[in-house]
């Protein structure tokens, strides 16, 4: 067994702390800034806040395989998210939710035995999410119970307090796909770039088309598949007899 390079882990930990401090500071300060119009708000979230926040998952990625630690963290952060939200500590709750959903994705991935299972999920969830957003539970929650969505979604805050959100499955599968690239030697950084870019694109499209909800998982799956298309093809292409 190869021991991890402690200097690399130390640099990652330092990078995570620095990035977390920057994102938390922004989320704390942004609501007190003057609001800007719609498209500057979209640009700030899509090009800055969302990538920085989701970057925390990329930097923390080596932790995914520590199953006991991740499982305990899932329970702790889930409980903390409920308590902090109930106490109106929404800033703390936001990062507890992000951590809990990320750990959920990593725990879920531990149940997968083959890369083909991940590929199957990537092909199925776009249809499930599209149906849910169009006429299923997600549509009902967003249309009639927006306070429920706000309670469970991870928010990406813009000046003036405006925010975009990703639901629990959006973060869970983001973390799952990203960890899968490490487990099966795919492309973690390119996958992160593609999936984050796709999430930013959903925000742009949702505002351009003026829809209240847009399924994000089809874009996520597309980003994962495109970033690793050639490697997946080599693994699963039909072999000649």
Protein backbone atom coordinates (compact mmCIF):
# COMPACT_ATOMS: atom_id res chain seq x y z
CA UNK A 1 0.00 0.00 0.00
CA UNK A 2 1.38 3.40 -1.00
CA UNK A 3 1.21 6.00 1.72
CA UNK A 4 -0.19 9.37 0.64
CA UNK A 5 2.27 12.23 0.33
CA UNK A 6 1.70 14.28 3.48
CA UNK A 7 2.97 17.45 1.80
CA UNK A 8 0.36 17.08 -0.94
CA UNK A 9 -2.38 16.50 1.63
CA UNK A 10 -1.20 19.52 3.59
CA UNK A 11 -1.36 21.72 0.50
CA UNK A 12 -4.83 20.44 -0.30
CA UNK A 13 -6.00 21.11 3.25
CA UNK A 14 -4.59 24.63 3.10
CA UNK A 15 -6.26 25.22 -0.28
CA UNK A 16 -9.57 23.94 1.08
CA UNK A 17 -9.42 26.23 4.13
CA UNK A 18 -8.54 29.24 1.96
CA UNK A 19 -11.30 28.54 -0.55
CA UNK A 20 -13.85 27.87 2.19
CA UNK A 21 -12.92 31.13 3.92
CA UNK A 22 -13.34 33.04 0.65
CA UNK A 23 -16.74 31.51 -0.15
CA UNK A 24 -18.07 31.94 3.39
CA UNK A 25 -16.91 35.55 3.44
CA UNK A 26 -18.63 36.24 0.14
CA UNK A 27 -21.89 34.61 1.27
CA UNK A 28 -21.82 36.66 4.47
CA UNK A 29 -21.05 39.98 2.73
CA UNK A 30 -23.06 39.65 -0.52
CA UNK A 31 -26.54 40.21 1.00
CA UNK A 32 -25.35 43.58 2.34
CA UNK A 33 -24.09 44.82 -1.04
CA UNK A 34 -26.20 46.82 -3.47
CA UNK A 35 -28.28 44.61 -5.73
CA UNK A 36 -27.47 44.49 -9.44
CA UNK A 37 -29.68 43.73 -12.42
CA UNK A 38 -30.58 40.24 -13.57
CA UNK A 39 -27.78 39.47 -16.04
CA UNK A 40 -24.92 40.77 -13.91
CA UNK A 41 -26.40 38.67 -11.10
CA UNK A 42 -26.42 35.61 -13.38
CA UNK A 43 -22.84 36.31 -14.45
CA UNK A 44 -21.59 36.68 -10.86
CA UNK A 45 -23.18 33.39 -9.79
CA UNK A 46 -22.42 31.40 -12.96
CA UNK A 47 -18.81 32.53 -13.37
CA UNK A 48 -17.81 33.06 -9.75
CA UNK A 49 -19.95 31.92 -6.85
CA UNK A 50 -21.07 28.56 -8.20
CA UNK A 51 -17.62 27.40 -9.43
CA UNK A 52 -15.97 28.54 -6.20
CA UNK A 53 -18.53 26.74 -4.05
CA UNK A 54 -18.44 23.53 -6.07
CA UNK A 55 -14.66 23.81 -6.06
CA UNK A 56 -14.78 22.83 -2.40
CA UNK A 57 -15.93 19.36 -3.49
CA UNK A 58 -13.02 19.04 -5.92
CA UNK A 59 -10.42 20.07 -3.34
CA UNK A 60 -11.91 17.72 -0.73
CA UNK A 61 -12.12 14.82 -3.19
CA UNK A 62 -9.33 12.64 -1.65
CA UNK A 63 -11.53 12.20 1.43
CA UNK A 64 -14.22 10.33 -0.51
CA UNK A 65 -12.64 6.90 0.00
CA UNK A 66 -12.42 7.27 3.80
CA UNK A 67 -15.77 5.54 4.22
CA UNK A 68 -16.05 5.66 8.00
CA UNK A 69 -15.09 9.31 8.15
CA UNK A 70 -17.50 10.19 5.33
CA UNK A 71 -20.37 8.26 6.92
CA UNK A 72 -19.88 9.95 10.28
CA UNK A 73 -19.55 13.32 8.55
CA UNK A 74 -22.81 12.70 6.69
CA UNK A 75 -24.71 12.19 9.95
CA UNK A 76 -23.04 15.14 11.67
CA UNK A 77 -23.55 17.61 8.82
CA UNK A 78 -27.13 16.49 8.16
CA UNK A 79 -28.03 17.04 11.83
CA UNK A 80 -26.18 20.36 11.87
CA UNK A 81 -28.02 21.50 8.73
CA UNK A 82 -31.40 20.87 10.36
CA UNK A 83 -30.42 22.58 13.61
CA UNK A 84 -28.83 25.63 11.99
CA UNK A 85 -31.72 26.13 9.57
CA UNK A 86 -34.23 25.92 12.41
CA UNK A 87 -32.15 28.48 14.30
CA UNK A 88 -32.21 30.83 11.25
CA UNK A 89 -28.43 30.48 10.88
CA UNK A 90 -28.85 30.13 7.13
CA UNK A 91 -25.22 30.77 6.26
CA UNK A 92 -24.03 27.87 8.40
CA UNK A 93 -26.93 25.72 7.22
CA UNK A 94 -25.98 26.30 3.59
CA UNK A 95 -22.50 24.82 4.01
CA UNK A 96 -23.76 22.01 6.22
CA UNK A 97 -26.20 21.05 3.45
CA UNK A 98 -23.42 21.17 0.85
CA UNK A 99 -21.26 18.90 3.00
CA UNK A 100 -24.11 16.50 3.81
CA UNK A 101 -25.15 16.08 0.17
CA UNK A 102 -21.53 15.64 -0.89
CA UNK A 103 -20.99 12.92 1.72
CA UNK A 104 -24.25 11.28 0.61
CA UNK A 105 -22.94 11.02 -2.93
CA UNK A 106 -19.67 9.50 -1.73
CA UNK A 107 -21.45 6.99 0.52
CA UNK A 108 -23.76 6.10 -2.36
CA UNK A 109 -20.79 5.53 -4.69
CA UNK A 110 -19.29 3.06 -2.21
CA UNK A 111 -22.24 0.76 -3.01
CA UNK A 112 -21.28 0.62 -6.70
CA UNK A 113 -19.16 -2.33 -7.78
CA UNK A 114 -18.59 -1.43 -11.44
CA UNK A 115 -18.10 1.68 -13.53
CA UNK A 116 -20.98 0.45 -15.69
CA UNK A 117 -23.32 1.16 -12.77
CA UNK A 118 -22.23 4.80 -12.79
CA UNK A 119 -22.70 4.97 -16.54
CA UNK A 120 -26.21 3.53 -16.20
CA UNK A 121 -27.08 6.14 -13.57
CA UNK A 122 -25.74 8.89 -15.84
CA UNK A 123 -28.04 7.69 -18.62
CA UNK A 124 -31.16 7.28 -16.44
CA UNK A 125 -31.25 10.30 -14.13
CA UNK A 126 -31.72 12.91 -16.90
CA UNK A 127 -35.11 11.39 -17.76
CA UNK A 128 -36.16 11.02 -14.13
CA UNK A 129 -35.16 14.60 -13.33
CA UNK A 130 -36.85 16.00 -16.43
CA UNK A 131 -40.13 14.29 -15.54
CA UNK A 132 -39.89 15.41 -11.91
CA UNK A 133 -39.27 19.05 -12.87
CA UNK A 134 -41.94 19.07 -15.59
CA UNK A 135 -44.81 17.46 -13.72
CA UNK A 136 -43.53 15.57 -10.68
CA UNK A 137 -42.51 16.26 -7.09
CA UNK A 138 -39.94 18.91 -7.98
CA UNK A 139 -42.52 20.86 -9.99
CA UNK A 140 -44.98 20.75 -7.09
CA UNK A 141 -42.39 21.90 -4.55
CA UNK A 142 -41.00 24.73 -6.70
CA UNK A 143 -44.45 25.93 -7.74
CA UNK A 144 -46.42 25.61 -4.52
CA UNK A 145 -43.94 25.08 -1.68
CA UNK A 146 -40.95 27.23 -2.50
CA UNK A 147 -40.11 27.52 1.22
CA UNK A 148 -39.51 23.76 1.28
CA UNK A 149 -37.12 24.04 -1.65
CA UNK A 150 -35.30 26.91 0.05
CA UNK A 151 -34.89 24.80 3.17
CA UNK A 152 -33.18 21.93 1.37
CA UNK A 153 -31.39 23.64 -1.54
CA UNK A 154 -27.80 24.85 -1.53
CA UNK A 155 -27.83 28.59 -2.30
CA UNK A 156 -25.35 30.55 -4.39
CA UNK A 157 -25.65 34.15 -3.26
CA UNK A 158 -25.35 37.31 -5.36
CA UNK A 159 -25.18 40.98 -4.29
CA UNK A 160 -28.35 42.15 -2.61
CA UNK A 161 -29.25 38.69 -1.38
CA UNK A 162 -30.53 37.21 -4.64
CA UNK A 163 -29.60 33.57 -4.98
CA UNK A 164 -29.69 30.56 -7.28
CA UNK A 165 -30.04 27.07 -5.84
CA UNK A 166 -29.20 23.45 -6.47
CA UNK A 167 -31.32 20.72 -4.91
CA UNK A 168 -30.01 17.73 -2.95
CA UNK A 169 -29.82 15.35 -5.95
CA UNK A 170 -27.91 17.95 -7.97
CA UNK A 171 -25.12 18.08 -5.40
CA UNK A 172 -25.27 14.38 -4.53
CA UNK A 173 -24.75 13.20 -8.12
CA UNK A 174 -22.14 15.89 -8.74
CA UNK A 175 -20.10 14.46 -5.86
CA UNK A 176 -20.78 10.88 -6.95
CA UNK A 177 -19.65 11.40 -10.55
CA UNK A 178 -16.58 13.34 -9.47
CA UNK A 179 -15.49 10.61 -7.04
CA UNK A 180 -16.16 7.98 -9.71
CA UNK A 181 -13.52 9.62 -11.91
CA UNK A 182 -10.95 9.02 -9.18
CA UNK A 183 -12.09 5.48 -8.42
CA UNK A 184 -11.96 4.37 -12.05
CA UNK A 185 -9.07 6.52 -13.30
CA UNK A 186 -11.04 8.94 -15.46
CA UNK A 187 -10.52 12.73 -15.59
CA UNK A 188 -11.40 14.44 -12.28
CA UNK A 189 -10.42 18.01 -13.17
CA UNK A 190 -11.89 17.99 -16.66
CA UNK A 191 -15.04 16.37 -15.29
CA UNK A 192 -15.33 19.06 -12.62
CA UNK A 193 -14.91 21.76 -15.25
CA UNK A 194 -17.49 20.20 -17.56
CA UNK A 195 -20.09 19.54 -14.85
CA UNK A 196 -19.64 22.96 -13.24
CA UNK A 197 -19.87 24.60 -16.65
CA UNK A 198 -23.08 22.71 -17.36
CA UNK A 199 -24.61 23.87 -14.07
CA UNK A 200 -23.67 27.45 -14.89
CA UNK A 201 -25.24 26.99 -18.32
CA UNK A 202 -28.53 25.85 -16.75
CA UNK A 203 -28.64 29.12 -14.81
CA UNK A 204 -28.13 31.13 -18.00
CA UNK A 205 -30.77 29.15 -19.91
CA UNK A 206 -33.29 29.34 -17.06
CA UNK A 207 -33.05 33.13 -16.99
CA UNK A 208 -32.97 33.49 -20.76
CA UNK A 209 -36.14 31.41 -21.14
CA UNK A 210 -37.76 32.78 -17.95
CA UNK A 211 -38.67 29.37 -16.55
CA UNK A 212 -39.15 28.80 -12.83
CA UNK A 213 -37.33 25.49 -12.83
CA UNK A 214 -34.95 23.73 -15.20
CA UNK A 215 -33.79 20.12 -14.74
CA UNK A 216 -30.08 20.28 -13.93
CA UNK A 217 -29.21 16.57 -13.93
CA UNK A 218 -29.40 16.16 -17.74
CA UNK A 219 -26.73 18.86 -18.00
CA UNK A 220 -24.70 17.23 -15.23
CA UNK A 221 -24.76 13.82 -16.93
CA UNK A 222 -23.82 15.39 -20.23
CA UNK A 223 -20.81 17.07 -18.63
CA UNK A 224 -19.65 13.82 -17.04
CA UNK A 225 -20.07 11.82 -20.24
CA UNK A 226 -18.44 14.37 -22.53
CA UNK A 227 -15.39 14.84 -20.29
CA UNK A 228 -14.75 11.09 -20.27
CA UNK A 229 -16.32 9.95 -23.55
CA UNK A 230 -13.21 8.42 -25.11
CA UNK A 231 -12.18 6.61 -21.92
CA UNK A 232 -15.69 5.23 -21.44
CA UNK A 233 -15.80 4.11 -25.07
CA UNK A 234 -12.56 2.19 -24.67
CA UNK A 235 -13.89 0.49 -21.53
CA UNK A 236 -17.26 -0.51 -22.96
CA UNK A 237 -16.90 -0.73 -26.73
CA UNK A 238 -17.93 -4.10 -28.22
CA UNK A 239 -14.98 -6.41 -28.69
CA UNK A 240 -14.54 -8.48 -31.82
CA UNK A 241 -14.70 -12.22 -31.40
